[in-house]
């Protein structure tokens, strides 16, 4: 698994895979630093969370924020929003572009600003997508990310021994970092023998520099569909 550690929060995808009997190695390719502050809610009609990290960064959530609707990018982020106490969670299908369409139909451009709880690197620019429709989006950086300089030693050694079956890639940026790291001559051949389970076509597209590799994409960009993908493609992987 290559996505960032979830801190004290459980990782439902990891836990579900372990419950199904899979052995997991953690190789977080991004590290996350949370700011720990809630942006000003003045004039806000709703919040937007495009990752679980955006929610973790403002927890515990003040009561005034919990009263606002929150647009969550997909089921995993929506589930965390509910656990944190948000009373009205509007769940998107899984990508920023799809969430923009949900916001277009559910929010009112004249009802107030939308507060996007964002990281320092945006996979999709909601502000640019929604501004032409009359929405005011305030993009608030509540966490920052840094890329890993290398795979964890234990993971790299296991890869070299051809003892890994597959890699899970949940974002385009993570896939891009992964492709750069496994281009190392000592890893490249073994990496090409792995199965690559990707959240979306955008994620899969970042693997092009690796050449011909086994790539399978989830039917929808969310954790539940990743689980379904792995159940279909690797039901007997220990």
C-alpha atoms as a PDB file:
ATOM      1  CA  UNK A   1       0.000   0.000   0.000  1.00  0.00           C
ATOM      2  CA  UNK A   2       1.452   3.306  -1.089  1.00  0.00           C
ATOM      3  CA  UNK A   3      -0.881   5.953   0.264  1.00  0.00           C
ATOM      4  CA  UNK A   4       0.028   8.031   3.332  1.00  0.00           C
ATOM      5  CA  UNK A   5      -0.423   6.635   6.819  1.00  0.00           C
ATOM      6  CA  UNK A   6      -3.801   7.538   8.301  1.00  0.00           C
ATOM      7  CA  UNK A   7      -2.485   8.519  11.743  1.00  0.00           C
ATOM      8  CA  UNK A   8      -4.751   7.446  14.590  1.00  0.00           C
ATOM      9  CA  UNK A   9      -7.675   6.936  12.207  1.00  0.00           C
ATOM     10  CA  UNK A  10      -8.310   3.359  11.011  1.00  0.00           C
ATOM     11  CA  UNK A  11      -7.614   2.671   7.349  1.00  0.00           C
ATOM     12  CA  UNK A  12     -10.730   0.796   6.155  1.00  0.00           C
ATOM     13  CA  UNK A  13      -9.075  -0.403   2.941  1.00  0.00           C
ATOM     14  CA  UNK A  14      -6.043  -1.846   4.719  1.00  0.00           C
ATOM     15  CA  UNK A  15      -8.186  -3.399   7.447  1.00  0.00           C
ATOM     16  CA  UNK A  16     -10.560  -4.981   4.912  1.00  0.00           C
ATOM     17  CA  UNK A  17      -7.676  -6.468   2.942  1.00  0.00           C
ATOM     18  CA  UNK A  18      -6.169  -7.950   6.075  1.00  0.00           C
ATOM     19  CA  UNK A  19      -9.546  -9.345   7.097  1.00  0.00           C
ATOM     20  CA  UNK A  20      -9.719 -11.040   3.683  1.00  0.00           C
ATOM     21  CA  UNK A  21      -6.408 -12.757   4.408  1.00  0.00           C
ATOM     22  CA  UNK A  22      -4.012 -10.566   2.430  1.00  0.00           C
ATOM     23  CA  UNK A  23      -0.590  -9.676   3.796  1.00  0.00           C
ATOM     24  CA  UNK A  24       0.070  -5.948   3.572  1.00  0.00           C
ATOM     25  CA  UNK A  25       3.332  -4.050   3.373  1.00  0.00           C
ATOM     26  CA  UNK A  26       3.135  -0.312   3.980  1.00  0.00           C
ATOM     27  CA  UNK A  27       5.136   1.924   1.639  1.00  0.00           C
ATOM     28  CA  UNK A  28       3.697   5.432   2.064  1.00  0.00           C
ATOM     29  CA  UNK A  29       5.097   7.504  -0.774  1.00  0.00           C
ATOM     30  CA  UNK A  30       3.782  10.791   0.600  1.00  0.00           C
ATOM     31  CA  UNK A  31       4.161  12.082   4.141  1.00  0.00           C
ATOM     32  CA  UNK A  32       1.479  14.423   5.460  1.00  0.00           C
ATOM     33  CA  UNK A  33       1.891  17.328   7.868  1.00  0.00           C
ATOM     34  CA  UNK A  34      -1.358  18.684   9.299  1.00  0.00           C
ATOM     35  CA  UNK A  35      -1.726  22.370  10.164  1.00  0.00           C
ATOM     36  CA  UNK A  36      -4.215  21.612  12.946  1.00  0.00           C
ATOM     37  CA  UNK A  37      -6.272  24.772  12.434  1.00  0.00           C
ATOM     38  CA  UNK A  38      -9.808  25.348  11.152  1.00  0.00           C
ATOM     39  CA  UNK A  39     -10.041  28.146   8.570  1.00  0.00           C
ATOM     40  CA  UNK A  40     -12.461  31.013   9.093  1.00  0.00           C
ATOM     41  CA  UNK A  41     -16.052  30.061   8.322  1.00  0.00           C
ATOM     42  CA  UNK A  42     -17.251  33.633   7.857  1.00  0.00           C
ATOM     43  CA  UNK A  43     -19.767  33.810   5.026  1.00  0.00           C
ATOM     44  CA  UNK A  44     -19.529  30.073   4.313  1.00  0.00           C
ATOM     45  CA  UNK A  45     -22.447  27.986   3.061  1.00  0.00           C
ATOM     46  CA  UNK A  46     -20.583  24.641   3.042  1.00  0.00           C
ATOM     47  CA  UNK A  47     -17.249  22.867   3.352  1.00  0.00           C
ATOM     48  CA  UNK A  48     -15.516  20.698   0.771  1.00  0.00           C
ATOM     49  CA  UNK A  49     -13.238  17.756   1.635  1.00  0.00           C
ATOM     50  CA  UNK A  50     -11.388  16.097  -1.233  1.00  0.00           C
ATOM     51  CA  UNK A  51      -9.420  13.732   1.019  1.00  0.00           C
ATOM     52  CA  UNK A  52      -9.506  12.243   4.480  1.00  0.00           C
ATOM     53  CA  UNK A  53      -6.390  14.246   5.280  1.00  0.00           C
ATOM     54  CA  UNK A  54      -8.331  17.467   4.886  1.00  0.00           C
ATOM     55  CA  UNK A  55     -10.712  16.307   7.595  1.00  0.00           C
ATOM     56  CA  UNK A  56      -7.982  14.936   9.853  1.00  0.00           C
ATOM     57  CA  UNK A  57      -6.285  18.317   9.678  1.00  0.00           C
ATOM     58  CA  UNK A  58      -9.208  20.134  11.326  1.00  0.00           C
ATOM     59  CA  UNK A  59     -10.198  17.469  13.892  1.00  0.00           C
ATOM     60  CA  UNK A  60     -11.625  17.803  16.450  1.00  0.00           C
ATOM     61  CA  UNK A  61     -14.075  19.809  14.395  1.00  0.00           C
ATOM     62  CA  UNK A  62     -15.647  22.840  16.097  1.00  0.00           C
ATOM     63  CA  UNK A  63     -19.417  22.792  16.491  1.00  0.00           C
ATOM     64  CA  UNK A  64     -19.978  25.692  14.098  1.00  0.00           C
ATOM     65  CA  UNK A  65     -18.321  23.713  11.297  1.00  0.00           C
ATOM     66  CA  UNK A  66     -20.334  20.590  12.065  1.00  0.00           C
ATOM     67  CA  UNK A  67     -23.531  22.551  11.404  1.00  0.00           C
ATOM     68  CA  UNK A  68     -22.458  23.280   7.815  1.00  0.00           C
ATOM     69  CA  UNK A  69     -23.071  20.865   4.958  1.00  0.00           C
ATOM     70  CA  UNK A  70     -19.895  19.185   3.746  1.00  0.00           C
ATOM     71  CA  UNK A  71     -19.227  17.918   0.240  1.00  0.00           C
ATOM     72  CA  UNK A  72     -17.030  14.803   0.463  1.00  0.00           C
ATOM     73  CA  UNK A  73     -15.205  13.547  -2.610  1.00  0.00           C
ATOM     74  CA  UNK A  74     -16.092   9.871  -2.125  1.00  0.00           C
ATOM     75  CA  UNK A  75     -17.401   7.216   0.262  1.00  0.00           C
ATOM     76  CA  UNK A  76     -14.254   6.954   2.408  1.00  0.00           C
ATOM     77  CA  UNK A  77     -14.041  10.685   3.017  1.00  0.00           C
ATOM     78  CA  UNK A  78     -17.791  10.835   3.607  1.00  0.00           C
ATOM     79  CA  UNK A  79     -17.592   8.047   6.199  1.00  0.00           C
ATOM     80  CA  UNK A  80     -14.893   9.919   8.114  1.00  0.00           C
ATOM     81  CA  UNK A  81     -16.945  13.127   7.983  1.00  0.00           C
ATOM     82  CA  UNK A  82     -19.853  11.292   9.576  1.00  0.00           C
ATOM     83  CA  UNK A  83     -17.603   9.820  12.275  1.00  0.00           C
ATOM     84  CA  UNK A  84     -16.339  13.320  13.073  1.00  0.00           C
ATOM     85  CA  UNK A  85     -19.913  14.485  13.640  1.00  0.00           C
ATOM     86  CA  UNK A  86     -20.933  16.343  10.484  1.00  0.00           C
ATOM     87  CA  UNK A  87     -24.714  16.323  10.295  1.00  0.00           C
ATOM     88  CA  UNK A  88     -25.178  16.769   6.537  1.00  0.00           C
ATOM     89  CA  UNK A  89     -22.681  14.957   4.330  1.00  0.00           C
ATOM     90  CA  UNK A  90     -23.111  15.124   0.556  1.00  0.00           C
ATOM     91  CA  UNK A  91     -21.129  12.262  -0.957  1.00  0.00           C
ATOM     92  CA  UNK A  92     -19.469  12.445  -4.355  1.00  0.00           C
ATOM     93  CA  UNK A  93     -18.584   9.527  -6.630  1.00  0.00           C
ATOM     94  CA  UNK A  94     -14.833   9.674  -5.995  1.00  0.00           C
ATOM     95  CA  UNK A  95     -13.052  12.320  -8.094  1.00  0.00           C
ATOM     96  CA  UNK A  96     -12.714  16.081  -7.875  1.00  0.00           C
ATOM     97  CA  UNK A  97     -14.276  16.588 -11.303  1.00  0.00           C
ATOM     98  CA  UNK A  98     -17.301  14.510 -10.336  1.00  0.00           C
ATOM     99  CA  UNK A  99     -17.586  16.348  -7.022  1.00  0.00           C
ATOM    100  CA  UNK A 100     -17.657  19.666  -8.884  1.00  0.00           C
ATOM    101  CA  UNK A 101     -20.762  18.455 -10.719  1.00  0.00           C
ATOM    102  CA  UNK A 102     -22.397  17.426  -7.424  1.00  0.00           C
ATOM    103  CA  UNK A 103     -21.656  20.863  -5.968  1.00  0.00           C
ATOM    104  CA  UNK A 104     -23.068  22.543  -9.077  1.00  0.00           C
ATOM    105  CA  UNK A 105     -26.396  20.800  -8.599  1.00  0.00           C
ATOM    106  CA  UNK A 106     -26.592  20.886  -4.778  1.00  0.00           C
ATOM    107  CA  UNK A 107     -25.177  24.307  -3.818  1.00  0.00           C
ATOM    108  CA  UNK A 108     -26.324  27.856  -4.587  1.00  0.00           C
ATOM    109  CA  UNK A 109     -23.753  30.310  -5.978  1.00  0.00           C
ATOM    110  CA  UNK A 110     -25.319  33.226  -4.065  1.00  0.00           C
ATOM    111  CA  UNK A 111     -25.682  31.444  -0.694  1.00  0.00           C
ATOM    112  CA  UNK A 112     -22.093  32.011   0.435  1.00  0.00           C
ATOM    113  CA  UNK A 113     -18.551  30.776   0.006  1.00  0.00           C
ATOM    114  CA  UNK A 114     -17.440  27.153  -0.237  1.00  0.00           C
ATOM    115  CA  UNK A 115     -14.465  26.345   2.006  1.00  0.00           C
ATOM    116  CA  UNK A 116     -12.187  23.734   0.440  1.00  0.00           C
ATOM    117  CA  UNK A 117     -10.096  21.907   3.077  1.00  0.00           C
ATOM    118  CA  UNK A 118      -7.179  21.229   0.770  1.00  0.00           C
ATOM    119  CA  UNK A 119      -3.583  20.109   0.642  1.00  0.00           C
ATOM    120  CA  UNK A 120      -0.738  22.123  -0.827  1.00  0.00           C
ATOM    121  CA  UNK A 121      -0.940  20.105  -4.069  1.00  0.00           C
ATOM    122  CA  UNK A 122      -4.299  19.892  -5.819  1.00  0.00           C
ATOM    123  CA  UNK A 123      -5.233  16.873  -7.917  1.00  0.00           C
ATOM    124  CA  UNK A 124      -8.172  18.881  -9.302  1.00  0.00           C
ATOM    125  CA  UNK A 125      -8.716  22.635  -9.054  1.00  0.00           C
ATOM    126  CA  UNK A 126     -12.290  23.006  -7.800  1.00  0.00           C
ATOM    127  CA  UNK A 127     -11.993  26.775  -7.612  1.00  0.00           C
ATOM    128  CA  UNK A 128     -11.222  27.064 -11.320  1.00  0.00           C
ATOM    129  CA  UNK A 129     -13.980  24.599 -12.180  1.00  0.00           C
ATOM    130  CA  UNK A 130     -16.679  26.328 -10.135  1.00  0.00           C
ATOM    131  CA  UNK A 131     -15.786  30.021 -10.461  1.00  0.00           C
ATOM    132  CA  UNK A 132     -17.265  30.314 -13.999  1.00  0.00           C
ATOM    133  CA  UNK A 133     -20.568  29.108 -12.517  1.00  0.00           C
ATOM    134  CA  UNK A 134     -20.603  31.963 -10.011  1.00  0.00           C
ATOM    135  CA  UNK A 135     -19.319  30.067  -6.955  1.00  0.00           C
ATOM    136  CA  UNK A 136     -16.816  31.553  -4.533  1.00  0.00           C
ATOM    137  CA  UNK A 137     -14.413  28.797  -3.476  1.00  0.00           C
ATOM    138  CA  UNK A 138     -11.895  29.587  -0.744  1.00  0.00           C
ATOM    139  CA  UNK A 139      -9.087  27.055  -1.013  1.00  0.00           C
ATOM    140  CA  UNK A 140      -7.578  26.657   2.457  1.00  0.00           C
ATOM    141  CA  UNK A 141      -4.334  24.688   2.790  1.00  0.00           C
ATOM    142  CA  UNK A 142      -4.822  22.600   5.930  1.00  0.00           C
ATOM    143  CA  UNK A 143      -2.124  20.015   5.257  1.00  0.00           C
ATOM    144  CA  UNK A 144       1.120  19.694   3.320  1.00  0.00           C
ATOM    145  CA  UNK A 145       2.751  16.700   1.681  1.00  0.00           C
ATOM    146  CA  UNK A 146       6.307  15.655   0.888  1.00  0.00           C
ATOM    147  CA  UNK A 147       7.344  12.836  -1.402  1.00  0.00           C
ATOM    148  CA  UNK A 148       9.382   9.877  -0.179  1.00  0.00           C
ATOM    149  CA  UNK A 149      12.999   9.790  -1.442  1.00  0.00           C
ATOM    150  CA  UNK A 150      12.938   5.979  -1.730  1.00  0.00           C
ATOM    151  CA  UNK A 151      10.851   2.920  -1.002  1.00  0.00           C
ATOM    152  CA  UNK A 152      11.145   1.669   2.589  1.00  0.00           C
ATOM    153  CA  UNK A 153      14.155  -0.655   2.800  1.00  0.00           C
ATOM    154  CA  UNK A 154      12.085  -3.714   3.745  1.00  0.00           C
ATOM    155  CA  UNK A 155       9.691  -3.152   0.844  1.00  0.00           C
ATOM    156  CA  UNK A 156      12.501  -2.584  -1.664  1.00  0.00           C
ATOM    157  CA  UNK A 157      14.277  -5.764  -0.528  1.00  0.00           C
ATOM    158  CA  UNK A 158      11.049  -7.788  -0.756  1.00  0.00           C
ATOM    159  CA  UNK A 159      10.428  -6.419  -4.250  1.00  0.00           C
ATOM    160  CA  UNK A 160      13.924  -7.392  -5.376  1.00  0.00           C
ATOM    161  CA  UNK A 161      13.292 -10.946  -4.164  1.00  0.00           C
ATOM    162  CA  UNK A 162      10.090 -11.097  -6.261  1.00  0.00           C
ATOM    163  CA  UNK A 163       8.024 -11.680  -3.118  1.00  0.00           C
ATOM    164  CA  UNK A 164       5.375  -9.035  -3.785  1.00  0.00           C
ATOM    165  CA  UNK A 165       2.238  -9.713  -5.803  1.00  0.00           C
ATOM    166  CA  UNK A 166       0.767  -6.274  -6.376  1.00  0.00           C
ATOM    167  CA  UNK A 167       0.919  -2.587  -5.580  1.00  0.00           C
ATOM    168  CA  UNK A 168      -2.089  -0.395  -4.756  1.00  0.00           C
ATOM    169  CA  UNK A 169      -2.022   3.131  -6.184  1.00  0.00           C
ATOM    170  CA  UNK A 170      -4.693   5.558  -5.012  1.00  0.00           C
ATOM    171  CA  UNK A 171      -3.730   8.906  -6.542  1.00  0.00           C
ATOM    172  CA  UNK A 172      -1.971  10.219  -9.650  1.00  0.00           C
ATOM    173  CA  UNK A 173       0.717  11.882  -7.562  1.00  0.00           C
ATOM    174  CA  UNK A 174       1.458   8.693  -5.642  1.00  0.00           C
ATOM    175  CA  UNK A 175       1.642   6.740  -8.905  1.00  0.00           C
ATOM    176  CA  UNK A 176       4.025   9.326 -10.341  1.00  0.00           C
ATOM    177  CA  UNK A 177       6.311   9.061  -7.307  1.00  0.00           C
ATOM    178  CA  UNK A 178       6.150   5.255  -7.440  1.00  0.00           C
ATOM    179  CA  UNK A 179       7.112   5.206 -11.124  1.00  0.00           C
ATOM    180  CA  UNK A 180      10.098   7.439 -10.408  1.00  0.00           C
ATOM    181  CA  UNK A 181      11.317   5.331  -7.488  1.00  0.00           C
ATOM    182  CA  UNK A 182      11.040   1.925  -9.120  1.00  0.00           C
ATOM    183  CA  UNK A 183      12.896   3.190 -12.194  1.00  0.00           C
ATOM    184  CA  UNK A 184      16.014   2.440 -10.133  1.00  0.00           C
ATOM    185  CA  UNK A 185      17.895  -0.283 -12.067  1.00  0.00           C
ATOM    186  CA  UNK A 186      17.839  -2.584  -9.044  1.00  0.00           C
ATOM    187  CA  UNK A 187      14.028  -2.429  -8.874  1.00  0.00           C
ATOM    188  CA  UNK A 188      12.776  -1.864 -12.404  1.00  0.00           C
ATOM    189  CA  UNK A 189      12.646  -5.460 -13.637  1.00  0.00           C
ATOM    190  CA  UNK A 190      10.886  -6.732 -10.506  1.00  0.00           C
ATOM    191  CA  UNK A 191       8.422  -3.813 -10.575  1.00  0.00           C
ATOM    192  CA  UNK A 192       7.422  -4.694 -14.137  1.00  0.00           C
ATOM    193  CA  UNK A 193       6.370  -8.146 -12.916  1.00  0.00           C
ATOM    194  CA  UNK A 194       3.946  -6.723 -10.337  1.00  0.00           C
ATOM    195  CA  UNK A 195       0.218  -6.243 -10.803  1.00  0.00           C
ATOM    196  CA  UNK A 196      -0.733  -2.592 -10.447  1.00  0.00           C
ATOM    197  CA  UNK A 197      -4.206  -1.948  -9.010  1.00  0.00           C
ATOM    198  CA  UNK A 198      -5.150   1.666  -9.763  1.00  0.00           C
ATOM    199  CA  UNK A 199      -7.985   3.805  -8.450  1.00  0.00           C
ATOM    200  CA  UNK A 200      -8.603   5.526 -11.791  1.00  0.00           C
ATOM    201  CA  UNK A 201      -7.394   5.911 -15.358  1.00  0.00           C
ATOM    202  CA  UNK A 202      -5.588   9.089 -14.280  1.00  0.00           C
ATOM    203  CA  UNK A 203      -3.625   7.033 -11.758  1.00  0.00           C
ATOM    204  CA  UNK A 204      -2.841   4.348 -14.340  1.00  0.00           C
ATOM    205  CA  UNK A 205      -1.655   6.981 -16.793  1.00  0.00           C
ATOM    206  CA  UNK A 206       1.202   7.947 -14.491  1.00  0.00           C
ATOM    207  CA  UNK A 207       2.715   4.466 -14.928  1.00  0.00           C
ATOM    208  CA  UNK A 208       3.475   5.010 -18.631  1.00  0.00           C
ATOM    209  CA  UNK A 209       7.221   5.594 -17.972  1.00  0.00           C
ATOM    210  CA  UNK A 210       7.497   2.016 -16.698  1.00  0.00           C
ATOM    211  CA  UNK A 211       6.668   0.590 -20.114  1.00  0.00           C
ATOM    212  CA  UNK A 212       4.416  -2.466 -20.434  1.00  0.00           C
ATOM    213  CA  UNK A 213       3.181  -3.440 -16.969  1.00  0.00           C
ATOM    214  CA  UNK A 214       0.086  -5.194 -15.657  1.00  0.00           C
ATOM    215  CA  UNK A 215      -2.453  -2.467 -14.838  1.00  0.00           C
ATOM    216  CA  UNK A 216      -6.057  -2.899 -13.718  1.00  0.00           C
ATOM    217  CA  UNK A 217      -8.341   0.029 -12.906  1.00  0.00           C
ATOM    218  CA  UNK A 218     -11.236   0.085 -10.444  1.00  0.00           C
ATOM    219  CA  UNK A 219     -14.681   0.450 -12.003  1.00  0.00           C
ATOM    220  CA  UNK A 220     -15.314   3.517  -9.846  1.00  0.00           C
ATOM    221  CA  UNK A 221     -12.700   5.652  -8.054  1.00  0.00           C
ATOM    222  CA  UNK A 222     -13.356   4.664  -4.442  1.00  0.00           C
ATOM    223  CA  UNK A 223     -12.057   2.222  -1.847  1.00  0.00           C
ATOM    224  CA  UNK A 224     -15.024  -0.135  -2.129  1.00  0.00           C
ATOM    225  CA  UNK A 225     -14.367  -0.622  -5.827  1.00  0.00           C
ATOM    226  CA  UNK A 226     -10.660  -1.137  -5.136  1.00  0.00           C
ATOM    227  CA  UNK A 227     -11.621  -3.934  -2.757  1.00  0.00           C
ATOM    228  CA  UNK A 228     -13.909  -5.422  -5.392  1.00  0.00           C
ATOM    229  CA  UNK A 229     -11.119  -5.176  -7.967  1.00  0.00           C
ATOM    230  CA  UNK A 230      -8.668  -7.038  -5.733  1.00  0.00           C
ATOM    231  CA  UNK A 231     -11.267  -9.662  -4.872  1.00  0.00           C
ATOM    232  CA  UNK A 232     -11.713 -10.330  -8.611  1.00  0.00           C
ATOM    233  CA  UNK A 233      -8.092 -10.137  -9.680  1.00  0.00           C
ATOM    234  CA  UNK A 234      -6.215 -11.537  -6.664  1.00  0.00           C
ATOM    235  CA  UNK A 235      -8.646 -13.658  -4.635  1.00  0.00           C
ATOM    236  CA  UNK A 236      -5.959 -16.153  -3.624  1.00  0.00           C
ATOM    237  CA  UNK A 237      -3.106 -13.739  -2.944  1.00  0.00           C
ATOM    238  CA  UNK A 238      -1.960 -14.375   0.648  1.00  0.00           C
END
